[in-house]
Amino acid sequence: MDIAIKIFLILHFIGLAGIIGSWLAVIKEPRVVAGMLHGAILQVVTGLALVGLREAQDVVEVNHMKIGIKLLVALAVLVVAFIGLRKEKQNPGSTETLAHVAGGLGILNVIIAVAWT
């Protein structure tokens, strides 16, 4: 079980890097890129898997309030990235605000994860 948790945690961090890294890569000319969407999908899927695996362990107490808020933020990033990518395909360069929202929410999720004990 510990190996599975570590694998999903690594994938979770890779998803985070996809969101924030994609945002930082295009920060001079902000737009929503596919890396943001792929990172958001990976974050949601691996986050849910991590919670399920932690719940299966009797030793660890999961903070459901924290997880719920982090899930809402992650879903918001997913929706923003999805909408932004669709808008970007129709009208290139029109998703500056959505790119900043996705990147900012990604950073917010990191802050929640680290600061909320």
C-alpha atoms as a PDB file:
ATOM      1  CA  MET A   1       0.000   0.000   0.000  1.00  0.00           C
ATOM      2  CA  ASP A   2       2.842   2.394   0.827  1.00  0.00           C
ATOM      3  CA  ILE A   3       4.389   1.916  -2.610  1.00  0.00           C
ATOM      4  CA  ALA A   4       1.073   2.709  -4.312  1.00  0.00           C
ATOM      5  CA  ILE A   5       0.694   5.850  -2.201  1.00  0.00           C
ATOM      6  CA  LYS A   6       4.205   6.993  -3.104  1.00  0.00           C
ATOM      7  CA  ILE A   7       3.610   6.380  -6.808  1.00  0.00           C
ATOM      8  CA  PHE A   8       0.330   8.328  -6.754  1.00  0.00           C
ATOM      9  CA  LEU A   9       1.957  11.117  -4.740  1.00  0.00           C
ATOM     10  CA  ILE A  10       4.746  11.430  -7.322  1.00  0.00           C
ATOM     11  CA  LEU A  11       2.146  11.556 -10.103  1.00  0.00           C
ATOM     12  CA  HIS A  12       0.208  14.146  -8.096  1.00  0.00           C
ATOM     13  CA  PHE A  13       3.324  16.346  -7.928  1.00  0.00           C
ATOM     14  CA  ILE A  14       3.875  15.885 -11.666  1.00  0.00           C
ATOM     15  CA  GLY A  15       0.317  17.113 -12.265  1.00  0.00           C
ATOM     16  CA  LEU A  16       1.030  20.139 -10.105  1.00  0.00           C
ATOM     17  CA  ALA A  17       4.204  20.810 -12.082  1.00  0.00           C
ATOM     18  CA  GLY A  18       2.156  20.554 -15.275  1.00  0.00           C
ATOM     19  CA  ILE A  19      -0.249  23.264 -14.139  1.00  0.00           C
ATOM     20  CA  ILE A  20       2.192  25.733 -12.632  1.00  0.00           C
ATOM     21  CA  GLY A  21       5.049  24.932 -15.011  1.00  0.00           C
ATOM     22  CA  SER A  22       2.848  25.444 -18.072  1.00  0.00           C
ATOM     23  CA  TRP A  23       1.638  28.729 -16.663  1.00  0.00           C
ATOM     24  CA  LEU A  24       5.173  29.926 -15.957  1.00  0.00           C
ATOM     25  CA  ALA A  25       6.324  28.811 -19.409  1.00  0.00           C
ATOM     26  CA  VAL A  26       3.847  31.152 -21.114  1.00  0.00           C
ATOM     27  CA  ILE A  27       3.772  33.930 -18.512  1.00  0.00           C
ATOM     28  CA  LYS A  28       5.155  36.577 -20.901  1.00  0.00           C
ATOM     29  CA  GLU A  29       2.341  35.879 -23.365  1.00  0.00           C
ATOM     30  CA  PRO A  30      -0.275  34.218 -21.142  1.00  0.00           C
ATOM     31  CA  ARG A  31      -2.614  31.689 -22.673  1.00  0.00           C
ATOM     32  CA  VAL A  32      -4.072  28.369 -21.643  1.00  0.00           C
ATOM     33  CA  VAL A  33      -2.040  25.456 -22.973  1.00  0.00           C
ATOM     34  CA  ALA A  34      -2.659  21.717 -23.011  1.00  0.00           C
ATOM     35  CA  GLY A  35      -0.177  21.125 -20.169  1.00  0.00           C
ATOM     36  CA  MET A  36      -2.479  22.964 -17.786  1.00  0.00           C
ATOM     37  CA  LEU A  37      -5.417  20.730 -18.670  1.00  0.00           C
ATOM     38  CA  HIS A  38      -3.367  17.532 -18.536  1.00  0.00           C
ATOM     39  CA  GLY A  39      -1.853  18.558 -15.203  1.00  0.00           C
ATOM     40  CA  ALA A  40      -5.306  19.357 -13.801  1.00  0.00           C
ATOM     41  CA  ILE A  41      -6.698  15.994 -14.886  1.00  0.00           C
ATOM     42  CA  LEU A  42      -3.717  14.213 -13.335  1.00  0.00           C
ATOM     43  CA  GLN A  43      -4.114  16.204 -10.104  1.00  0.00           C
ATOM     44  CA  VAL A  44      -7.803  15.347  -9.711  1.00  0.00           C
ATOM     45  CA  VAL A  45      -7.400  11.652 -10.550  1.00  0.00           C
ATOM     46  CA  THR A  46      -4.341  11.079  -8.373  1.00  0.00           C
ATOM     47  CA  GLY A  47      -5.760  13.207  -5.551  1.00  0.00           C
ATOM     48  CA  LEU A  48      -8.889  11.068  -5.428  1.00  0.00           C
ATOM     49  CA  ALA A  49      -6.761   7.905  -5.553  1.00  0.00           C
ATOM     50  CA  LEU A  50      -4.582   9.168  -2.700  1.00  0.00           C
ATOM     51  CA  VAL A  51      -7.604   9.904  -0.524  1.00  0.00           C
ATOM     52  CA  GLY A  52      -9.006   6.448  -1.266  1.00  0.00           C
ATOM     53  CA  LEU A  53      -5.732   4.770  -0.404  1.00  0.00           C
ATOM     54  CA  ARG A  54      -5.362   6.812   2.804  1.00  0.00           C
ATOM     55  CA  GLU A  55      -8.922   5.980   3.826  1.00  0.00           C
ATOM     56  CA  ALA A  56      -8.149   2.297   3.310  1.00  0.00           C
ATOM     57  CA  GLN A  57      -5.390   2.577   5.890  1.00  0.00           C
ATOM     58  CA  ASP A  58      -6.709   2.470   9.426  1.00  0.00           C
ATOM     59  CA  VAL A  59      -3.655   4.286  10.767  1.00  0.00           C
ATOM     60  CA  VAL A  60      -4.100   7.636   8.997  1.00  0.00           C
ATOM     61  CA  GLU A  61      -6.872  10.135   9.806  1.00  0.00           C
ATOM     62  CA  VAL A  62      -7.863  12.107   6.693  1.00  0.00           C
ATOM     63  CA  ASN A  63      -8.873  15.778   7.123  1.00  0.00           C
ATOM     64  CA  HIS A  64     -12.044  15.774   5.019  1.00  0.00           C
ATOM     65  CA  MET A  65     -12.525  19.543   5.168  1.00  0.00           C
ATOM     66  CA  LYS A  66      -9.051  20.169   3.760  1.00  0.00           C
ATOM     67  CA  ILE A  67      -9.453  17.485   1.106  1.00  0.00           C
ATOM     68  CA  GLY A  68     -12.864  18.861   0.112  1.00  0.00           C
ATOM     69  CA  ILE A  69     -11.527  22.383  -0.334  1.00  0.00           C
ATOM     70  CA  LYS A  70      -8.512  21.126  -2.263  1.00  0.00           C
ATOM     71  CA  LEU A  71     -10.836  19.092  -4.502  1.00  0.00           C
ATOM     72  CA  LEU A  72     -12.977  22.154  -5.218  1.00  0.00           C
ATOM     73  CA  VAL A  73      -9.885  24.180  -6.134  1.00  0.00           C
ATOM     74  CA  ALA A  74      -8.549  21.347  -8.315  1.00  0.00           C
ATOM     75  CA  LEU A  75     -11.910  21.020 -10.082  1.00  0.00           C
ATOM     76  CA  ALA A  76     -11.935  24.788 -10.640  1.00  0.00           C
ATOM     77  CA  VAL A  77      -8.493  24.540 -12.265  1.00  0.00           C
ATOM     78  CA  LEU A  78      -9.759  21.681 -14.416  1.00  0.00           C
ATOM     79  CA  VAL A  79     -12.818  23.637 -15.564  1.00  0.00           C
ATOM     80  CA  VAL A  80     -10.824  26.822 -16.203  1.00  0.00           C
ATOM     81  CA  ALA A  81      -8.188  24.904 -18.187  1.00  0.00           C
ATOM     82  CA  PHE A  82     -10.842  23.048 -20.206  1.00  0.00           C
ATOM     83  CA  ILE A  83     -12.776  26.197 -21.065  1.00  0.00           C
ATOM     84  CA  GLY A  84      -9.573  28.128 -21.717  1.00  0.00           C
ATOM     85  CA  LEU A  85      -8.187  25.503 -24.065  1.00  0.00           C
ATOM     86  CA  ARG A  86     -11.433  25.459 -26.050  1.00  0.00           C
ATOM     87  CA  LYS A  87     -11.446  29.272 -26.259  1.00  0.00           C
ATOM     88  CA  GLU A  88      -7.772  29.303 -27.205  1.00  0.00           C
ATOM     89  CA  LYS A  89      -8.443  27.009 -30.176  1.00  0.00           C
ATOM     90  CA  GLN A  90     -11.241  29.294 -31.406  1.00  0.00           C
ATOM     91  CA  ASN A  91      -9.490  32.600 -30.764  1.00  0.00           C
ATOM     92  CA  PRO A  92      -5.724  32.315 -30.096  1.00  0.00           C
ATOM     93  CA  GLY A  93      -4.418  34.701 -27.446  1.00  0.00           C
ATOM     94  CA  SER A  94      -7.810  35.300 -25.848  1.00  0.00           C
ATOM     95  CA  THR A  95      -7.245  33.325 -22.655  1.00  0.00           C
ATOM     96  CA  GLU A  96      -4.827  35.523 -20.733  1.00  0.00           C
ATOM     97  CA  THR A  97      -7.079  35.862 -17.689  1.00  0.00           C
ATOM     98  CA  LEU A  98      -7.954  32.170 -17.627  1.00  0.00           C
ATOM     99  CA  ALA A  99      -4.266  31.248 -17.739  1.00  0.00           C
ATOM    100  CA  HIS A 100      -3.578  33.422 -14.699  1.00  0.00           C
ATOM    101  CA  VAL A 101      -6.593  31.982 -12.875  1.00  0.00           C
ATOM    102  CA  ALA A 102      -5.436  28.402 -13.524  1.00  0.00           C
ATOM    103  CA  GLY A 103      -1.879  29.162 -12.387  1.00  0.00           C
ATOM    104  CA  GLY A 104      -3.033  31.110  -9.337  1.00  0.00           C
ATOM    105  CA  LEU A 105      -5.426  28.375  -8.266  1.00  0.00           C
ATOM    106  CA  GLY A 106      -2.637  25.813  -8.681  1.00  0.00           C
ATOM    107  CA  ILE A 107      -0.483  27.844  -6.317  1.00  0.00           C
ATOM    108  CA  LEU A 108      -3.432  28.246  -3.929  1.00  0.00           C
ATOM    109  CA  ASN A 109      -3.769  24.462  -3.784  1.00  0.00           C
ATOM    110  CA  VAL A 110      -0.095  24.147  -2.846  1.00  0.00           C
ATOM    111  CA  ILE A 111      -0.543  26.743  -0.094  1.00  0.00           C
ATOM    112  CA  ILE A 112      -3.561  24.885   1.278  1.00  0.00           C
ATOM    113  CA  ALA A 113      -1.697  21.574   1.192  1.00  0.00           C
ATOM    114  CA  VAL A 114       1.350  22.920   2.993  1.00  0.00           C
ATOM    115  CA  ALA A 115      -0.060  25.533   5.388  1.00  0.00           C
ATOM    116  CA  TRP A 116      -3.170  23.673   6.600  1.00  0.00           C
ATOM    117  CA  THR A 117      -2.060  21.201   9.239  1.00  0.00           C
END
